[in-house]
Amino acid sequence: MPLTNVALALLGAILYAGLRHAGRARLLKDEVTAATVAVMQRRVLAYQALYAVGALLSFASTYASIGFIIAVQLNAAITPRFWILDKF
């Protein structure tokens, strides 16, 4: 499990760095505003924090950790409109 957590953190860091570089180097289309890039960066950081919570949850219960990470993944893929997660 720890190697998986490191891989998730590394992928998130690479995605965040790529977004920052693309925004600074003006590699994005003109339709992509600075506000859109900021939203994408906040989203990456928010999900990284949620993955960290899932990793810490594994110390208490492996099943709860797996369930939490699956729920986070489903939220990222489907993006349901839950009131508490809607701001991400």
N, C-alpha and C. Protein backbone atom coordinates (compact mmCIF):
# COMPACT_ATOMS: atom_id res chain seq x y z
N MET A 1 0.80 -1.21 0.00
CA MET A 1 0.00 0.00 0.00
C MET A 1 0.85 1.28 0.00
N PRO A 2 1.97 1.35 0.74
CA PRO A 2 2.75 2.59 0.73
C PRO A 2 3.29 2.95 -0.65
N LEU A 3 3.67 1.95 -1.45
CA LEU A 3 4.17 2.25 -2.78
C LEU A 3 3.08 2.84 -3.65
N THR A 4 1.85 2.38 -3.50
CA THR A 4 0.73 2.93 -4.24
C THR A 4 0.51 4.39 -3.85
N ASN A 5 0.62 4.70 -2.58
CA ASN A 5 0.44 6.07 -2.12
C ASN A 5 1.53 6.99 -2.67
N VAL A 6 2.74 6.49 -2.73
CA VAL A 6 3.84 7.27 -3.29
C VAL A 6 3.59 7.51 -4.78
N ALA A 7 3.10 6.49 -5.48
CA ALA A 7 2.82 6.63 -6.90
C ALA A 7 1.72 7.66 -7.14
N LEU A 8 0.67 7.64 -6.32
CA LEU A 8 -0.40 8.63 -6.45
C LEU A 8 0.11 10.04 -6.19
N ALA A 9 0.94 10.19 -5.18
CA ALA A 9 1.50 11.50 -4.85
C ALA A 9 2.40 12.00 -5.97
N LEU A 10 3.21 11.10 -6.52
CA LEU A 10 4.10 11.47 -7.61
C LEU A 10 3.33 11.86 -8.87
N LEU A 11 2.30 11.10 -9.20
CA LEU A 11 1.48 11.44 -10.36
C LEU A 11 0.78 12.79 -10.18
N GLY A 12 0.29 13.04 -8.99
CA GLY A 12 -0.35 14.33 -8.72
C GLY A 12 0.64 15.48 -8.82
N ALA A 13 1.86 15.27 -8.32
CA ALA A 13 2.88 16.31 -8.39
C ALA A 13 3.28 16.59 -9.84
N ILE A 14 3.37 15.55 -10.64
CA ILE A 14 3.72 15.73 -12.05
C ILE A 14 2.60 16.45 -12.78
N LEU A 15 1.36 16.09 -12.50
CA LEU A 15 0.22 16.75 -13.12
C LEU A 15 0.18 18.23 -12.74
N TYR A 16 0.39 18.52 -11.47
CA TYR A 16 0.39 19.90 -11.01
C TYR A 16 1.52 20.70 -11.67
N ALA A 17 2.71 20.12 -11.71
CA ALA A 17 3.85 20.80 -12.33
C ALA A 17 3.61 21.02 -13.82
N GLY A 18 3.00 20.05 -14.48
CA GLY A 18 2.69 20.20 -15.90
C GLY A 18 1.70 21.30 -16.16
N LEU A 19 0.69 21.41 -15.30
CA LEU A 19 -0.29 22.49 -15.43
C LEU A 19 0.37 23.85 -15.24
N ARG A 20 1.21 23.95 -14.22
CA ARG A 20 1.89 25.23 -13.97
C ARG A 20 2.79 25.61 -15.14
N HIS A 21 3.53 24.64 -15.66
CA HIS A 21 4.43 24.92 -16.77
C HIS A 21 3.65 25.32 -18.02
N ALA A 22 2.58 24.59 -18.31
CA ALA A 22 1.78 24.90 -19.51
C ALA A 22 1.17 26.29 -19.40
N GLY A 23 0.74 26.68 -18.21
CA GLY A 23 0.19 28.01 -18.04
C GLY A 23 1.22 29.11 -18.18
N ARG A 24 2.39 28.89 -17.60
CA ARG A 24 3.45 29.91 -17.67
C ARG A 24 4.06 30.02 -19.06
N ALA A 25 4.19 28.89 -19.76
CA ALA A 25 4.81 28.89 -21.08
C ALA A 25 3.81 29.19 -22.19
N ARG A 26 2.57 29.47 -21.81
CA ARG A 26 1.49 29.78 -22.76
C ARG A 26 1.31 28.67 -23.80
N LEU A 27 1.30 27.43 -23.31
CA LEU A 27 1.11 26.28 -24.18
C LEU A 27 -0.36 25.88 -24.31
N LEU A 28 -1.22 26.55 -23.57
CA LEU A 28 -2.65 26.22 -23.60
C LEU A 28 -3.35 27.07 -24.65
N LYS A 29 -4.51 26.60 -25.09
CA LYS A 29 -5.29 27.36 -26.07
C LYS A 29 -5.74 28.69 -25.47
N ASP A 30 -6.09 29.61 -26.34
CA ASP A 30 -6.51 30.93 -25.89
C ASP A 30 -7.81 30.88 -25.09
N GLU A 31 -8.64 29.85 -25.33
CA GLU A 31 -9.91 29.73 -24.61
C GLU A 31 -9.70 29.37 -23.14
N VAL A 32 -8.54 28.82 -22.82
CA VAL A 32 -8.25 28.42 -21.44
C VAL A 32 -7.75 29.65 -20.69
N THR A 33 -8.57 30.13 -19.79
CA THR A 33 -8.22 31.34 -19.04
C THR A 33 -7.36 30.99 -17.83
N ALA A 34 -6.82 32.02 -17.22
CA ALA A 34 -6.02 31.82 -16.00
C ALA A 34 -6.90 31.27 -14.88
N ALA A 35 -8.17 31.67 -14.87
CA ALA A 35 -9.08 31.16 -13.86
C ALA A 35 -9.30 29.65 -14.03
N THR A 36 -9.39 29.19 -15.26
CA THR A 36 -9.56 27.76 -15.52
C THR A 36 -8.34 26.98 -15.05
N VAL A 37 -7.17 27.48 -15.33
CA VAL A 37 -5.94 26.83 -14.88
C VAL A 37 -5.89 26.79 -13.35
N ALA A 38 -6.31 27.88 -12.71
CA ALA A 38 -6.32 27.94 -11.25
C ALA A 38 -7.29 26.90 -10.68
N VAL A 39 -8.45 26.74 -11.31
CA VAL A 39 -9.41 25.74 -10.86
C VAL A 39 -8.83 24.33 -10.99
N MET A 40 -8.16 24.06 -12.12
CA MET A 40 -7.57 22.74 -12.31
C MET A 40 -6.47 22.48 -11.28
N GLN A 41 -5.67 23.49 -10.97
CA GLN A 41 -4.62 23.33 -9.97
C GLN A 41 -5.21 23.08 -8.59
N ARG A 42 -6.27 23.82 -8.23
CA ARG A 42 -6.92 23.59 -6.94
C ARG A 42 -7.51 22.20 -6.86
N ARG A 43 -8.04 21.73 -7.98
CA ARG A 43 -8.64 20.39 -8.02
C ARG A 43 -7.56 19.32 -7.78
N VAL A 44 -6.41 19.47 -8.42
CA VAL A 44 -5.32 18.52 -8.22
C VAL A 44 -4.88 18.52 -6.75
N LEU A 45 -4.72 19.71 -6.18
CA LEU A 45 -4.30 19.79 -4.78
C LEU A 45 -5.34 19.21 -3.84
N ALA A 46 -6.62 19.46 -4.13
CA ALA A 46 -7.69 18.93 -3.28
C ALA A 46 -7.70 17.40 -3.31
N TYR A 47 -7.58 16.83 -4.51
CA TYR A 47 -7.59 15.37 -4.60
C TYR A 47 -6.33 14.76 -4.00
N GLN A 48 -5.21 15.44 -4.09
CA GLN A 48 -4.00 14.94 -3.43
C GLN A 48 -4.20 14.90 -1.92
N ALA A 49 -4.86 15.93 -1.39
CA ALA A 49 -5.13 15.95 0.05
C ALA A 49 -6.08 14.81 0.43
N LEU A 50 -7.09 14.56 -0.42
CA LEU A 50 -8.01 13.46 -0.14
C LEU A 50 -7.31 12.11 -0.21
N TYR A 51 -6.39 11.95 -1.14
CA TYR A 51 -5.62 10.70 -1.21
C TYR A 51 -4.75 10.54 0.03
N ALA A 52 -4.21 11.64 0.53
CA ALA A 52 -3.41 11.57 1.76
C ALA A 52 -4.28 11.13 2.94
N VAL A 53 -5.51 11.62 2.99
CA VAL A 53 -6.44 11.18 4.03
C VAL A 53 -6.69 9.68 3.89
N GLY A 54 -6.87 9.22 2.67
CA GLY A 54 -7.07 7.79 2.44
C GLY A 54 -5.86 6.97 2.86
N ALA A 55 -4.68 7.50 2.61
CA ALA A 55 -3.47 6.79 3.02
C ALA A 55 -3.36 6.74 4.54
N LEU A 56 -3.68 7.83 5.21
CA LEU A 56 -3.63 7.84 6.67
C LEU A 56 -4.71 6.95 7.28
N LEU A 57 -5.82 6.85 6.58
CA LEU A 57 -6.92 6.00 7.05
C LEU A 57 -6.52 4.53 7.06
N SER A 58 -5.52 4.17 6.25
CA SER A 58 -5.10 2.77 6.19
C SER A 58 -4.47 2.30 7.51
N PHE A 59 -4.01 3.24 8.34
CA PHE A 59 -3.48 2.85 9.65
C PHE A 59 -4.59 2.37 10.57
N ALA A 60 -5.79 2.91 10.37
CA ALA A 60 -6.93 2.50 11.20
C ALA A 60 -7.61 1.27 10.64
N SER A 61 -7.90 1.28 9.33
CA SER A 61 -8.60 0.17 8.70
C SER A 61 -8.27 0.13 7.22
N THR A 62 -7.77 -0.98 6.77
CA THR A 62 -7.44 -1.12 5.36
C THR A 62 -8.69 -1.05 4.50
N TYR A 63 -9.76 -1.68 4.94
CA TYR A 63 -11.00 -1.67 4.17
C TYR A 63 -11.58 -0.26 4.06
N ALA A 64 -11.52 0.48 5.14
CA ALA A 64 -12.02 1.86 5.10
C ALA A 64 -11.16 2.71 4.17
N SER A 65 -9.86 2.48 4.18
CA SER A 65 -8.95 3.22 3.31
C SER A 65 -9.25 2.92 1.84
N ILE A 66 -9.41 1.65 1.52
CA ILE A 66 -9.71 1.27 0.13
C ILE A 66 -11.05 1.84 -0.30
N GLY A 67 -12.05 1.75 0.56
CA GLY A 67 -13.36 2.30 0.25
C GLY A 67 -13.32 3.80 0.05
N PHE A 68 -12.55 4.50 0.89
CA PHE A 68 -12.43 5.95 0.76
C PHE A 68 -11.75 6.34 -0.54
N ILE A 69 -10.67 5.66 -0.89
CA ILE A 69 -9.95 5.98 -2.12
C ILE A 69 -10.81 5.66 -3.34
N ILE A 70 -11.58 4.57 -3.31
CA ILE A 70 -12.50 4.27 -4.41
C ILE A 70 -13.56 5.36 -4.52
N ALA A 71 -14.08 5.82 -3.39
CA ALA A 71 -15.07 6.90 -3.41
C ALA A 71 -14.49 8.19 -3.98
N VAL A 72 -13.24 8.48 -3.65
CA VAL A 72 -12.58 9.67 -4.19
C VAL A 72 -12.40 9.53 -5.70
N GLN A 73 -11.98 8.34 -6.14
CA GLN A 73 -11.81 8.09 -7.57
C GLN A 73 -13.12 8.23 -8.32
N LEU A 74 -14.20 7.67 -7.76
CA LEU A 74 -15.51 7.79 -8.40
C LEU A 74 -15.95 9.24 -8.46
N ASN A 75 -15.70 9.99 -7.41
CA ASN A 75 -16.06 11.41 -7.43
C ASN A 75 -15.27 12.15 -8.51
N ALA A 76 -14.01 11.81 -8.68
CA ALA A 76 -13.20 12.47 -9.70
C ALA A 76 -13.65 12.09 -11.11
N ALA A 77 -14.05 10.84 -11.30
CA ALA A 77 -14.42 10.37 -12.63
C ALA A 77 -15.83 10.79 -13.03
N ILE A 78 -16.76 10.70 -12.10
CA ILE A 78 -18.17 10.95 -12.41
C ILE A 78 -18.55 12.40 -12.11
N THR A 79 -17.90 13.00 -11.16
CA THR A 79 -18.18 14.33 -10.64
C THR A 79 -19.65 14.55 -10.31
N PRO A 80 -20.17 13.77 -9.36
CA PRO A 80 -21.54 14.01 -8.93
C PRO A 80 -21.63 15.33 -8.18
N ARG A 81 -22.80 15.87 -8.08
CA ARG A 81 -22.99 17.16 -7.42
C ARG A 81 -23.36 16.98 -5.96
N PHE A 82 -22.39 16.49 -5.17
CA PHE A 82 -22.58 16.44 -3.73
C PHE A 82 -22.27 17.82 -3.17
N TRP A 83 -23.09 18.29 -2.29
CA TRP A 83 -22.95 19.67 -1.80
C TRP A 83 -21.60 19.92 -1.14
N ILE A 84 -21.06 18.93 -0.46
CA ILE A 84 -19.80 19.15 0.25
C ILE A 84 -18.60 19.04 -0.71
N LEU A 85 -18.73 18.27 -1.77
CA LEU A 85 -17.63 18.09 -2.72
C LEU A 85 -17.78 18.97 -3.95
N ASP A 86 -18.84 19.73 -4.03
CA ASP A 86 -19.12 20.52 -5.23
C ASP A 86 -18.12 21.65 -5.45
N LYS A 87 -17.47 22.10 -4.39
CA LYS A 87 -16.55 23.22 -4.55
C LYS A 87 -15.19 22.80 -5.10
N PHE A 88 -14.93 21.51 -5.24
CA PHE A 88 -13.67 21.04 -5.82
C PHE A 88 -13.86 20.90 -7.29
